[in-house]
Amino acid sequence: MKKLVLNGSAKNRGHIHGEQMREEISEVLAYYRSRFLKDRERLESHVDLLMQKVLSFRPHYKEEMDAIAAAAGVEPFWIYCINARSELMSSPIECSSVAFPKQGLVGQNWDWAAALEGNLALADIELENGHRFLTMTEPGMLAKIGMNSAGLGVCLNILPAHQKLTGLPVHILLRALLESQSLKEARTLIEEHGAGKASHVMVADQTETLAVELAPDQPWFQSTEQDTYLHTNHYLQSDQALPTSSKPCTETRLKRLQEALLYNPELNLKTMRQLLDNNKKPFPVLRPYSYHELTGNGGTLVTLMMDLSKRQMLLREGFDPERGFESYSLA
């Protein structure tokens, strides 16, 4: 996975990103253009609405995106599309998240299109105020999942949506959460900007986990008082249940994770890896490539685990459970 070191102003960070990820951005855009709405006028209308939310939220995010586009030699519109792609092609692809709140351990499998294999980046970003975070992200995208120097970790699962999503794009919210200094600050961000999405987000520190289902109408905070917290790709909030073709898969994976914990009473990274490496068929947690009507071939691209008390991130590409993890630290 390519490593990016981004610092300085928003424009400078964007320039480095776009210059170093030029080829990957071009390749990924070729894929996304084939998947986004073909009617350019309607696509632009949706993106304009989403970008208005970004501009009213943190205008310098647009400045960073514009710099990425300029350095990569692409139209800024397409970088906006990448950063809003979960609202433009929302689909509950099979990601699974695990948290052991009292141990400060969180992790997930990130499942998405095979077209992004070999095109991802781990960005080490330092803001002008000295705040630093690591994020595994897509080419041209400001952030996704990761960990920051304040000891917060952020994970994501997409949820089903049967309506147009018009809130602040979830990946923009993830970037802001990675810039947060505390769970209190993260919760305020979610309360104010969590609606208009279809995603599940976890934000954790070394003693507590905040979990929320971001529905089109409002954010629904979940109970994380228990020793373990698990989430896949369906709403646990009873009045948010939506019929979806992936329901047997997501419910089976959640049940499998729950049952596996009965045989793994020790809540540590070894147990978390065993949960995320479960490749039992049907509906494996660690998923080989298979066809999906929205994404084409897709499967587990990345497994990520974080020990927030140590400011340590473990990251592995692919769906081979025998493959080792790379370790990164913000300590």
Protein backbone atom coordinates (compact mmCIF):
# COMPACT_ATOMS: atom_id res chain seq x y z
CA MET A 1 0.00 0.00 0.00
CA LYS A 2 1.39 3.41 -0.96
CA LYS A 3 2.35 5.67 1.96
CA LEU A 4 1.55 9.38 1.81
CA VAL A 5 3.03 11.98 4.14
CA LEU A 6 0.87 15.10 3.97
CA ASN A 7 1.51 18.30 5.92
CA GLY A 8 1.34 22.07 5.71
CA SER A 9 -1.67 23.99 4.41
CA ALA A 10 -4.75 22.41 2.85
CA LYS A 11 -3.46 23.40 -0.58
CA ASN A 12 -0.04 21.89 0.11
CA ARG A 13 -1.51 18.64 1.45
CA GLY A 14 -3.77 18.36 -1.57
CA HIS A 15 -0.93 19.02 -3.98
CA ILE A 16 1.24 16.26 -2.51
CA HIS A 17 -1.70 13.86 -2.50
CA GLY A 18 -2.65 14.55 -6.11
CA GLU A 19 0.92 14.46 -7.39
CA GLN A 20 1.87 11.20 -5.67
CA MET A 21 -1.45 9.45 -6.40
CA ARG A 22 -1.91 10.68 -9.98
CA GLU A 23 -1.89 7.20 -11.57
CA GLU A 24 -4.08 5.66 -8.87
CA ILE A 25 -6.61 8.49 -9.10
CA SER A 26 -6.83 8.02 -12.87
CA GLU A 27 -7.34 4.27 -12.54
CA VAL A 28 -9.93 4.52 -9.78
CA LEU A 29 -11.82 7.25 -11.63
CA ALA A 30 -12.09 5.00 -14.69
CA TYR A 31 -13.89 2.53 -12.45
CA TYR A 32 -16.13 5.03 -10.66
CA ARG A 33 -17.19 6.77 -13.86
CA SER A 34 -18.56 3.42 -15.00
CA ARG A 35 -20.59 3.11 -11.80
CA PHE A 36 -21.87 6.61 -11.12
CA LEU A 37 -25.12 7.91 -12.56
CA LYS A 38 -24.71 8.18 -16.34
CA ASP A 39 -26.82 11.34 -16.62
CA ARG A 40 -24.13 14.00 -16.06
CA GLU A 41 -26.68 16.74 -15.41
CA ARG A 42 -28.40 14.75 -12.66
CA LEU A 43 -25.06 13.67 -11.22
CA GLU A 44 -23.85 17.28 -11.11
CA SER A 45 -27.06 18.34 -9.40
CA HIS A 46 -26.58 15.76 -6.65
CA VAL A 47 -22.87 16.55 -6.21
CA ASP A 48 -23.56 20.31 -6.08
CA LEU A 49 -26.03 19.71 -3.26
CA LEU A 50 -23.49 17.63 -1.34
CA MET A 51 -20.67 20.12 -1.91
CA GLN A 52 -22.82 22.94 -0.56
CA LYS A 53 -22.85 21.00 2.72
CA VAL A 54 -19.05 20.70 2.59
CA LEU A 55 -18.59 24.42 1.91
CA SER A 56 -20.83 25.43 4.79
CA PHE A 57 -19.07 22.91 7.06
CA ARG A 58 -15.33 23.39 6.40
CA PRO A 59 -14.51 25.31 3.20
CA HIS A 60 -10.82 24.38 3.34
CA TYR A 61 -11.78 20.77 2.59
CA LYS A 62 -12.82 21.94 -0.88
CA GLU A 63 -9.51 23.78 -1.19
CA GLU A 64 -7.70 20.53 -0.45
CA MET A 65 -9.82 18.62 -2.98
CA ASP A 66 -9.21 21.29 -5.63
CA ALA A 67 -5.46 20.99 -5.04
CA ILE A 68 -5.65 17.21 -5.39
CA ALA A 69 -7.46 17.64 -8.71
CA ALA A 70 -4.99 20.21 -10.04
CA ALA A 71 -1.94 18.09 -9.15
CA ALA A 72 -3.53 14.91 -10.51
CA GLY A 73 -4.61 16.63 -13.73
CA VAL A 74 -8.31 15.84 -13.39
CA GLU A 75 -11.48 17.90 -13.28
CA PRO A 76 -12.26 18.92 -9.65
CA PHE A 77 -15.80 17.60 -10.10
CA TRP A 78 -14.49 14.03 -10.13
CA ILE A 79 -12.56 14.50 -6.89
CA TYR A 80 -15.78 15.79 -5.34
CA CYS A 81 -17.49 12.63 -6.61
CA ILE A 82 -14.85 10.38 -5.02
CA ASN A 83 -15.30 12.12 -1.65
CA ALA A 84 -19.08 11.77 -1.89
CA ARG A 85 -19.15 8.35 -3.50
CA SER A 86 -20.97 6.66 -0.58
CA GLU A 87 -23.89 9.04 -1.16
CA LEU A 88 -23.74 8.64 -4.94
CA MET A 89 -23.63 4.83 -5.02
CA SER A 90 -24.70 3.74 -1.55
CA SER A 91 -24.58 0.01 -1.05
CA PRO A 92 -24.17 -2.11 2.10
CA ILE A 93 -21.13 -4.09 0.95
CA GLU A 94 -20.08 -6.65 3.52
CA CYS A 95 -17.89 -4.85 6.09
CA SER A 96 -17.74 -6.09 9.69
CA SER A 97 -16.66 -4.04 12.74
CA VAL A 98 -15.58 -5.16 16.20
CA ALA A 99 -14.93 -3.15 19.37
CA PHE A 100 -13.75 -4.15 22.83
CA PRO A 101 -14.56 -0.77 24.45
CA LYS A 102 -12.93 -1.22 27.86
CA GLN A 103 -9.70 -2.45 26.27
CA GLY A 104 -9.52 0.40 23.76
CA LEU A 105 -9.48 -2.05 20.83
CA VAL A 106 -11.40 -1.52 17.60
CA GLY A 107 -11.12 -3.03 14.15
CA GLN A 108 -12.86 -3.93 10.95
CA ASN A 109 -12.73 -5.57 7.56
CA TRP A 110 -13.24 -3.10 4.73
CA ASP A 111 -14.93 -4.76 1.76
CA TRP A 112 -15.24 -2.94 -1.54
CA ALA A 113 -14.59 -3.20 -5.27
CA ALA A 114 -11.69 -5.31 -6.54
CA ALA A 115 -10.92 -2.42 -8.91
CA LEU A 116 -9.34 -0.58 -5.96
CA GLU A 117 -6.92 -3.38 -5.14
CA GLY A 118 -3.38 -2.02 -5.34
CA ASN A 119 -4.62 1.58 -5.55
CA LEU A 120 -5.12 2.39 -1.86
CA ALA A 121 -3.03 4.62 0.37
CA LEU A 122 -2.13 4.99 4.02
CA ALA A 123 -1.93 8.74 4.60
CA ASP A 124 0.05 10.16 7.51
CA ILE A 125 -1.42 13.65 7.82
CA GLU A 126 -0.18 16.46 10.06
CA LEU A 127 -2.27 19.61 10.24
CA GLU A 128 -0.87 23.07 10.75
CA ASN A 129 -1.81 22.93 14.44
CA GLY A 130 0.33 19.80 14.92
CA HIS A 131 -2.59 17.35 15.13
CA ARG A 132 -1.69 14.12 13.34
CA PHE A 133 -3.64 11.13 12.09
CA LEU A 134 -3.22 7.98 10.03
CA THR A 135 -5.97 7.05 7.59
CA MET A 136 -6.36 4.20 5.15
CA THR A 137 -8.08 5.84 2.23
CA GLU A 138 -8.87 5.82 -1.47
CA PRO A 139 -7.02 7.88 -4.11
CA GLY A 140 -8.33 11.45 -4.05
CA MET A 141 -10.33 10.92 -0.84
CA LEU A 142 -9.56 13.15 2.17
CA ALA A 143 -9.95 10.34 4.72
CA LYS A 144 -11.64 7.08 5.58
CA ILE A 145 -10.87 4.89 8.58
CA GLY A 146 -7.96 5.38 10.94
CA MET A 147 -6.50 6.72 14.18
CA ASN A 148 -5.27 10.07 15.48
CA SER A 149 -2.66 11.45 17.88
CA ALA A 150 -5.37 12.23 20.46
CA GLY A 151 -5.97 8.48 20.78
CA LEU A 152 -9.22 8.26 18.81
CA GLY A 153 -9.94 5.49 16.30
CA VAL A 154 -12.63 5.63 13.59
CA CYS A 155 -14.34 2.74 11.74
CA LEU A 156 -17.10 2.61 9.09
CA ASN A 157 -19.81 0.28 7.76
CA ILE A 158 -22.18 1.26 4.97
CA LEU A 159 -25.92 0.71 5.62
CA PRO A 160 -28.80 0.35 3.14
CA ALA A 161 -30.67 3.39 1.86
CA HIS A 162 -33.75 3.58 -0.35
CA GLN A 163 -33.70 7.31 -0.88
CA LYS A 164 -31.43 10.06 -2.15
CA LEU A 165 -28.77 10.95 0.43
CA THR A 166 -28.23 14.71 0.77
CA GLY A 167 -26.33 15.23 4.03
CA LEU A 168 -22.69 16.05 4.59
CA PRO A 169 -20.84 13.17 2.84
CA VAL A 170 -19.87 10.48 5.31
CA HIS A 171 -16.20 10.48 4.25
CA ILE A 172 -16.04 14.22 4.96
CA LEU A 173 -17.48 13.53 8.40
CA LEU A 174 -14.86 10.80 8.92
CA ARG A 175 -12.13 13.32 8.13
CA ALA A 176 -13.57 15.73 10.71
CA LEU A 177 -13.83 12.93 13.29
CA LEU A 178 -10.16 12.10 12.75
CA GLU A 179 -9.40 15.74 13.49
CA SER A 180 -11.33 15.57 16.79
CA GLN A 181 -9.53 15.75 20.12
CA SER A 182 -12.09 13.85 22.22
CA LEU A 183 -15.16 11.62 22.09
CA LYS A 184 -17.20 14.58 23.33
CA GLU A 185 -16.12 16.64 20.33
CA ALA A 186 -16.81 13.68 18.01
CA ARG A 187 -20.30 13.21 19.43
CA THR A 188 -21.12 16.88 18.89
CA LEU A 189 -20.00 16.63 15.25
CA ILE A 190 -22.21 13.58 14.74
CA GLU A 191 -25.22 15.18 16.42
CA GLU A 192 -24.92 18.27 14.23
CA HIS A 193 -23.92 16.66 10.92
CA GLY A 194 -24.95 12.99 11.13
CA ALA A 195 -28.22 13.02 9.18
CA GLY A 196 -28.56 12.46 5.44
CA LYS A 197 -26.32 9.41 5.29
CA ALA A 198 -26.61 5.62 5.45
CA SER A 199 -23.61 4.45 7.45
CA HIS A 200 -22.56 3.04 10.78
CA VAL A 201 -19.60 4.80 12.42
CA MET A 202 -17.57 3.87 15.48
CA VAL A 203 -15.33 6.39 17.25
CA ALA A 204 -13.37 5.08 20.21
CA ASP A 205 -10.68 6.01 22.72
CA GLN A 206 -8.81 3.75 25.11
CA THR A 207 -11.73 3.32 27.53
CA GLU A 208 -14.95 4.01 25.61
CA THR A 209 -16.56 3.46 22.21
CA LEU A 210 -19.14 5.70 20.56
CA ALA A 211 -21.26 3.90 17.93
CA VAL A 212 -23.92 5.47 15.76
CA GLU A 213 -26.14 4.49 12.87
CA LEU A 214 -26.33 7.48 10.55
CA ALA A 215 -29.72 7.22 8.90
CA PRO A 216 -31.21 9.60 6.32
CA ASP A 217 -33.43 11.13 9.02
CA GLN A 218 -31.09 11.38 12.03
CA PRO A 219 -28.18 9.72 13.87
CA TRP A 220 -29.15 6.83 16.15
CA PHE A 221 -26.61 6.25 18.91
CA GLN A 222 -26.15 2.61 19.96
CA SER A 223 -25.49 1.11 23.36
CA THR A 224 -21.81 0.32 23.89
CA GLU A 225 -21.88 -0.34 27.64
CA GLN A 226 -21.27 -4.06 27.11
CA ASP A 227 -17.83 -5.70 26.99
CA THR A 228 -18.03 -6.21 23.22
CA TYR A 229 -19.72 -4.35 20.41
CA LEU A 230 -20.28 -5.78 16.92
CA HIS A 231 -21.81 -4.36 13.77
CA THR A 232 -22.20 -5.47 10.17
CA ASN A 233 -24.38 -3.89 7.45
CA HIS A 234 -27.92 -3.70 8.78
CA TYR A 235 -29.58 -1.34 11.23
CA LEU A 236 -29.75 -2.48 14.84
CA GLN A 237 -32.12 0.42 15.50
CA SER A 238 -35.46 -1.40 15.30
CA ASP A 239 -37.45 1.38 13.65
CA GLN A 240 -34.76 1.85 10.99
CA ALA A 241 -34.93 -1.69 9.61
CA LEU A 242 -34.96 -1.72 5.81
CA PRO A 243 -35.55 -4.67 3.49
CA THR A 244 -32.42 -5.43 1.50
CA SER A 245 -31.12 -8.29 -0.62
CA SER A 246 -27.99 -8.46 1.54
CA LYS A 247 -29.95 -9.04 4.77
CA PRO A 248 -29.21 -12.81 5.03
CA CYS A 249 -25.49 -12.08 4.63
CA THR A 250 -25.21 -9.24 7.12
CA GLU A 251 -27.36 -10.97 9.76
CA THR A 252 -25.47 -14.25 9.37
CA ARG A 253 -22.11 -12.50 9.77
CA LEU A 254 -23.27 -10.70 12.92
CA LYS A 255 -24.55 -13.94 14.44
CA ARG A 256 -21.30 -15.71 13.54
CA LEU A 257 -19.26 -13.01 15.26
CA GLN A 258 -21.47 -13.21 18.35
CA GLU A 259 -21.15 -16.98 18.52
CA ALA A 260 -17.38 -16.89 18.00
CA LEU A 261 -16.99 -14.67 21.06
CA LEU A 262 -18.47 -17.44 23.19
CA TYR A 263 -15.32 -19.44 22.46
CA ASN A 264 -12.91 -16.50 22.69
CA PRO A 265 -13.44 -15.00 26.17
CA GLU A 266 -10.13 -13.10 26.13
CA LEU A 267 -10.70 -9.63 24.68
CA ASN A 268 -7.42 -8.85 22.95
CA LEU A 269 -6.05 -8.30 19.45
CA LYS A 270 -5.57 -12.04 18.91
CA THR A 271 -9.28 -12.64 19.51
CA MET A 272 -10.21 -9.68 17.30
CA ARG A 273 -8.10 -11.07 14.48
CA GLN A 274 -9.76 -14.49 14.83
CA LEU A 275 -13.16 -12.83 14.53
CA LEU A 276 -12.22 -10.76 11.47
CA ASP A 277 -10.40 -13.70 9.82
CA ASN A 278 -13.48 -15.95 9.87
CA ASN A 279 -13.85 -17.12 6.26
CA LYS A 280 -16.46 -19.80 6.80
CA LYS A 281 -18.99 -20.08 3.98
CA PRO A 282 -21.63 -19.01 3.26
CA PHE A 283 -21.24 -15.29 3.97
CA PRO A 284 -17.64 -15.17 5.23
CA VAL A 285 -16.52 -12.26 7.41
CA LEU A 286 -13.18 -12.26 5.57
CA ARG A 287 -14.53 -12.27 2.06
CA PRO A 288 -12.87 -13.51 -1.17
CA TYR A 289 -13.89 -11.70 -4.36
CA SER A 290 -17.38 -12.40 -5.61
CA TYR A 291 -19.79 -10.57 -7.87
CA HIS A 292 -22.02 -7.76 -6.60
CA GLU A 293 -24.51 -5.98 -8.84
CA LEU A 294 -23.35 -2.50 -7.80
CA THR A 295 -19.59 -2.88 -7.53
CA GLY A 296 -18.81 -5.79 -9.83
CA ASN A 297 -16.24 -8.11 -8.24
CA GLY A 298 -15.60 -7.19 -4.65
CA GLY A 299 -14.33 -8.56 -1.37
CA THR A 300 -12.15 -7.75 1.62
CA LEU A 301 -9.50 -5.25 0.56
CA VAL A 302 -8.19 -4.32 4.03
CA THR A 303 -8.33 -5.58 7.59
CA LEU A 304 -7.47 -2.94 10.17
CA MET A 305 -7.12 -3.18 13.96
CA MET A 306 -6.22 -0.44 16.43
CA ASP A 307 -4.88 -0.54 19.99
CA LEU A 308 -5.76 2.99 21.06
CA SER A 309 -3.96 2.92 24.41
CA LYS A 310 -0.72 2.28 22.50
CA ARG A 311 -1.66 4.48 19.51
CA GLN A 312 -0.93 1.43 17.34
CA MET A 313 -2.54 0.48 14.03
CA LEU A 314 -2.26 -2.96 12.42
CA LEU A 315 -3.14 -3.14 8.73
CA ARG A 316 -3.32 -5.99 6.22
CA GLU A 317 -4.32 -5.94 2.57
CA GLY A 318 -6.35 -8.71 0.98
CA PHE A 319 -8.39 -11.68 2.17
CA ASP A 320 -5.62 -14.16 3.00
CA PRO A 321 -5.84 -14.92 6.75
CA GLU A 322 -2.26 -16.22 6.71
CA ARG A 323 -0.84 -12.90 5.57
CA GLY A 324 0.84 -10.77 8.24
CA PHE A 325 -0.10 -7.26 9.38
CA GLU A 326 1.97 -4.12 9.01
CA SER A 327 2.27 -2.06 12.20
CA TYR A 328 2.13 1.75 12.46
CA SER A 329 2.37 3.96 15.52
CA LEU A 330 1.47 7.48 16.56
CA ALA A 331 3.00 7.07 20.02
